[in-house]
């Protein structure tokens, strides 16, 4: 029983996009490892931007620096 946890920032992933992620991950586990999609669990956690950090910075500040602002 594979369990996959996907964490994304809470920036408006649509239900359709989430469904594609769930199907894509399930299909990949089947293709690569032969795992039954009916026994594969995929959980998507959406995290607020203020709770996500990259390179020692809050993600919003990290993005501003990368964009040159």
Protein backbone atom coordinates (compact mmCIF):
# COMPACT_ATOMS: atom_id res chain seq x y z
CA UNK A 1 0.00 0.00 0.00
CA UNK A 2 1.97 3.01 -1.19
CA UNK A 3 1.28 6.30 0.56
CA UNK A 4 2.36 9.49 -1.20
CA UNK A 5 2.12 12.92 0.42
CA UNK A 6 2.30 15.92 -1.92
CA UNK A 7 2.77 19.32 -0.33
CA UNK A 8 2.02 22.43 -2.36
CA UNK A 9 1.55 26.06 -1.45
CA UNK A 10 -2.03 27.22 -1.11
CA UNK A 11 -2.16 29.24 -4.33
CA UNK A 12 -5.19 27.98 -6.11
CA UNK A 13 -4.54 24.50 -7.47
CA UNK A 14 -7.84 23.55 -9.03
CA UNK A 15 -9.71 20.34 -8.22
CA UNK A 16 -8.93 19.20 -11.78
CA UNK A 17 -5.19 19.78 -11.27
CA UNK A 18 -5.28 17.87 -7.99
CA UNK A 19 -7.12 14.99 -9.67
CA UNK A 20 -4.41 14.90 -12.36
CA UNK A 21 -1.70 14.78 -9.69
CA UNK A 22 -3.45 11.91 -7.91
CA UNK A 23 -3.90 9.94 -11.14
CA UNK A 24 -0.39 10.70 -12.37
CA UNK A 25 1.28 9.58 -9.15
CA UNK A 26 -0.85 6.43 -9.00
CA UNK A 27 -0.05 5.62 -12.64
CA UNK A 28 3.67 6.23 -12.07
CA UNK A 29 3.77 3.86 -9.10
CA UNK A 30 2.03 1.24 -11.21
CA UNK A 31 4.34 1.74 -14.21
CA UNK A 32 7.58 1.76 -12.21
CA UNK A 33 6.87 -0.52 -9.26
CA UNK A 34 3.79 -2.48 -10.32
CA UNK A 35 1.76 -1.10 -7.40
CA UNK A 36 -2.00 -1.49 -7.65
CA UNK A 37 -3.62 1.97 -8.02
CA UNK A 38 -6.60 0.70 -6.00
CA UNK A 39 -4.25 0.31 -3.02
CA UNK A 40 -2.31 3.56 -3.54
CA UNK A 41 -3.07 6.50 -1.25
CA UNK A 42 -2.24 10.03 -2.39
CA UNK A 43 -2.73 12.97 -0.03
CA UNK A 44 -2.32 16.59 -1.11
CA UNK A 45 -1.57 19.07 1.66
CA UNK A 46 -1.88 22.76 0.88
CA UNK A 47 0.40 24.94 2.97
CA UNK A 48 0.01 28.69 3.50
CA UNK A 49 2.85 30.74 1.99
CA UNK A 50 3.84 32.09 5.40
CA UNK A 51 4.42 28.51 6.54
CA UNK A 52 6.77 27.58 3.67
CA UNK A 53 10.45 28.45 3.45
CA UNK A 54 13.14 28.07 0.78
CA UNK A 55 16.84 28.71 1.23
CA UNK A 56 16.38 30.07 4.73
CA UNK A 57 13.73 32.58 3.65
CA UNK A 58 9.95 32.71 3.64
CA UNK A 59 8.89 31.64 0.15
CA UNK A 60 7.45 35.06 -0.79
CA UNK A 61 10.76 36.79 0.00
CA UNK A 62 12.68 34.05 -1.82
CA UNK A 63 10.54 34.63 -4.92
CA UNK A 64 11.03 38.41 -4.76
CA UNK A 65 14.81 37.99 -4.61
CA UNK A 66 14.82 35.56 -7.52
CA UNK A 67 12.70 37.97 -9.56
CA UNK A 68 15.16 40.77 -8.80
CA UNK A 69 12.79 42.74 -6.63
